Amino acid sequence: MPQVTGLDHLVLTVVDLDRTLAFYRDVLGMVPERFQPADGSARWALRFGAQKINLHPADGPFDPKARVPQPGSADLCFLTDVPLAEWQAHFIAQGVAVEEGPIARTGATGPIISVYLRDPDGNLIEVSQRA
């Protein structure tokens, strides 16, 4: 049976593109990138590591798209090598509330320790370290 080997990108539907770009850049250290797909339109993505998050505006998502594109419906877990105490201090400095954690969880490859926060659309963001 064929198998997939990794995740290239995912898509978030967002209400305010500028606010989303600023949050992921300033709070999570991602790199905003404007790109032009084959259809010639101008789009935005957020790069981190070897992955990216493509952003679709809620008032005009690009085709093809999820059956029901909805801001605030994602639950994303990002891994880090930076101690969570440093992240928590950074979140405080950025005025971002931590909703929960640090707390033990189970990630894709084993135990992780996580903190939870929300992006501007209300998506649940988990920042985790392998335990």
Protein backbone atom coordinates (compact mmCIF):
# COMPACT_ATOMS: atom_id res chain seq x y z
CA MET A 1 0.00 0.00 0.00
CA PRO A 2 1.33 3.51 -0.80
CA GLN A 3 2.14 5.74 2.19
CA VAL A 4 2.58 9.48 2.63
CA THR A 5 5.90 10.55 4.15
CA GLY A 6 5.41 14.02 5.61
CA LEU A 7 3.44 17.23 5.80
CA ASP A 8 4.31 19.94 3.28
CA HIS A 9 1.78 22.60 4.27
CA LEU A 10 -1.62 23.17 5.78
CA VAL A 11 -4.14 25.96 5.28
CA LEU A 12 -5.69 28.33 7.82
CA THR A 13 -8.75 30.38 6.97
CA VAL A 14 -8.29 33.81 8.58
CA VAL A 15 -10.41 36.90 9.19
CA ASP A 16 -7.61 39.50 9.26
CA LEU A 17 -4.57 38.60 7.16
CA ASP A 18 -2.30 41.36 8.53
CA ARG A 19 -3.12 40.52 12.14
CA THR A 20 -2.49 36.81 11.49
CA LEU A 21 0.84 37.49 9.76
CA ALA A 22 1.96 39.69 12.66
CA PHE A 23 0.93 37.13 15.30
CA TYR A 24 2.72 34.18 13.75
CA ARG A 25 5.80 36.33 12.98
CA ASP A 26 6.06 38.12 16.34
CA VAL A 27 4.74 35.44 18.68
CA LEU A 28 5.94 32.20 17.05
CA GLY A 29 8.87 33.40 14.93
CA MET A 30 7.49 32.25 11.59
CA VAL A 31 8.50 34.01 8.38
CA PRO A 32 5.72 35.60 6.31
CA GLU A 33 6.18 34.90 2.62
CA ARG A 34 4.23 36.23 -0.32
CA PHE A 35 4.03 33.69 -3.13
CA GLN A 36 2.40 33.31 -6.51
CA PRO A 37 0.82 29.93 -7.30
CA ALA A 38 0.29 28.62 -10.83
CA ASP A 39 -2.98 30.57 -11.20
CA GLY A 40 -1.03 33.87 -10.90
CA SER A 41 -2.79 35.17 -7.79
CA ALA A 42 -0.86 36.69 -4.88
CA ARG A 43 -1.07 34.71 -1.65
CA TRP A 44 0.56 34.62 1.77
CA ALA A 45 2.12 31.82 3.75
CA LEU A 46 4.04 31.43 7.01
CA ARG A 47 7.30 29.46 6.80
CA PHE A 48 8.92 27.56 9.66
CA GLY A 49 11.44 24.75 9.34
CA ALA A 50 10.66 22.77 6.18
CA GLN A 51 6.91 23.47 6.44
CA LYS A 52 4.51 26.28 5.77
CA ILE A 53 1.01 27.41 6.57
CA ASN A 54 -0.90 28.89 3.63
CA LEU A 55 -3.40 31.58 4.58
CA HIS A 56 -6.81 31.92 2.94
CA PRO A 57 -8.99 34.98 3.63
CA ALA A 58 -12.33 34.02 5.20
CA ASP A 59 -14.18 36.38 2.88
CA GLY A 60 -12.71 34.79 -0.25
CA PRO A 61 -10.92 31.46 0.27
CA PHE A 62 -9.05 30.09 -2.72
CA ASP A 63 -10.14 26.96 -4.61
CA PRO A 64 -9.81 24.16 -3.95
CA LYS A 65 -10.64 24.56 -0.28
CA ALA A 66 -12.06 22.72 2.68
CA ARG A 67 -15.75 21.90 2.38
CA VAL A 68 -16.53 24.42 5.16
CA PRO A 69 -13.59 26.84 5.56
CA GLN A 70 -13.90 28.23 9.08
CA PRO A 71 -11.66 30.65 11.01
CA GLY A 72 -10.81 29.39 14.48
CA SER A 73 -11.41 25.69 13.82
CA ALA A 74 -7.77 24.50 13.87
CA ASP A 75 -5.84 22.85 16.68
CA LEU A 76 -2.11 22.94 15.87
CA CYS A 77 0.89 21.60 17.77
CA PHE A 78 4.36 23.04 17.05
CA LEU A 79 7.60 21.54 18.37
CA THR A 80 10.44 23.61 19.79
CA ASP A 81 13.93 23.07 21.19
CA VAL A 82 13.65 26.30 23.23
CA PRO A 83 12.74 25.75 26.92
CA LEU A 84 9.05 26.39 27.57
CA ALA A 85 9.94 28.86 30.34
CA GLU A 86 11.53 31.09 27.66
CA TRP A 87 8.40 30.76 25.53
CA GLN A 88 6.19 31.69 28.48
CA ALA A 89 8.27 34.81 29.16
CA HIS A 90 8.08 35.69 25.45
CA PHE A 91 4.30 35.22 25.40
CA ILE A 92 3.96 37.53 28.42
CA ALA A 93 6.13 40.15 26.68
CA GLN A 94 3.90 39.87 23.59
CA GLY A 95 0.71 40.18 25.65
CA VAL A 96 -0.42 36.66 24.75
CA ALA A 97 -2.16 34.62 27.45
CA VAL A 98 -1.21 31.01 28.05
CA GLU A 99 -4.46 29.10 28.54
CA GLU A 100 -2.95 25.93 29.93
CA GLY A 101 0.40 24.36 30.73
CA PRO A 102 3.05 23.41 30.91
CA ILE A 103 1.33 20.03 30.90
CA ALA A 104 2.38 16.52 29.88
CA ARG A 105 0.88 15.27 26.63
CA THR A 106 1.59 12.59 24.04
CA GLY A 107 2.92 13.70 20.66
CA ALA A 108 3.39 11.83 17.40
CA THR A 109 6.70 10.30 18.50
CA GLY A 110 6.26 10.11 22.27
CA PRO A 111 5.89 12.25 25.39
CA ILE A 112 5.84 16.04 25.10
CA ILE A 113 5.35 18.97 27.49
CA SER A 114 3.01 21.63 26.13
CA VAL A 115 1.66 25.14 26.64
CA TYR A 116 -1.54 26.30 24.95
CA LEU A 117 -2.56 29.69 23.59
CA ARG A 118 -4.87 31.11 20.90
CA ASP A 119 -4.13 32.92 17.65
CA PRO A 120 -6.18 35.98 16.55
CA ASP A 121 -8.90 33.77 15.04
CA GLY A 122 -9.18 31.59 18.13
CA ASN A 123 -7.28 28.60 16.73
CA LEU A 124 -5.75 26.52 19.53
CA ILE A 125 -1.95 26.69 19.37
CA GLU A 126 0.16 24.19 21.28
CA VAL A 127 3.91 24.83 21.68
CA SER A 128 5.66 21.67 22.80
CA GLN A 129 9.01 20.22 23.75
CA ARG A 130 9.80 16.55 23.54
CA ALA A 131 10.04 15.18 27.07
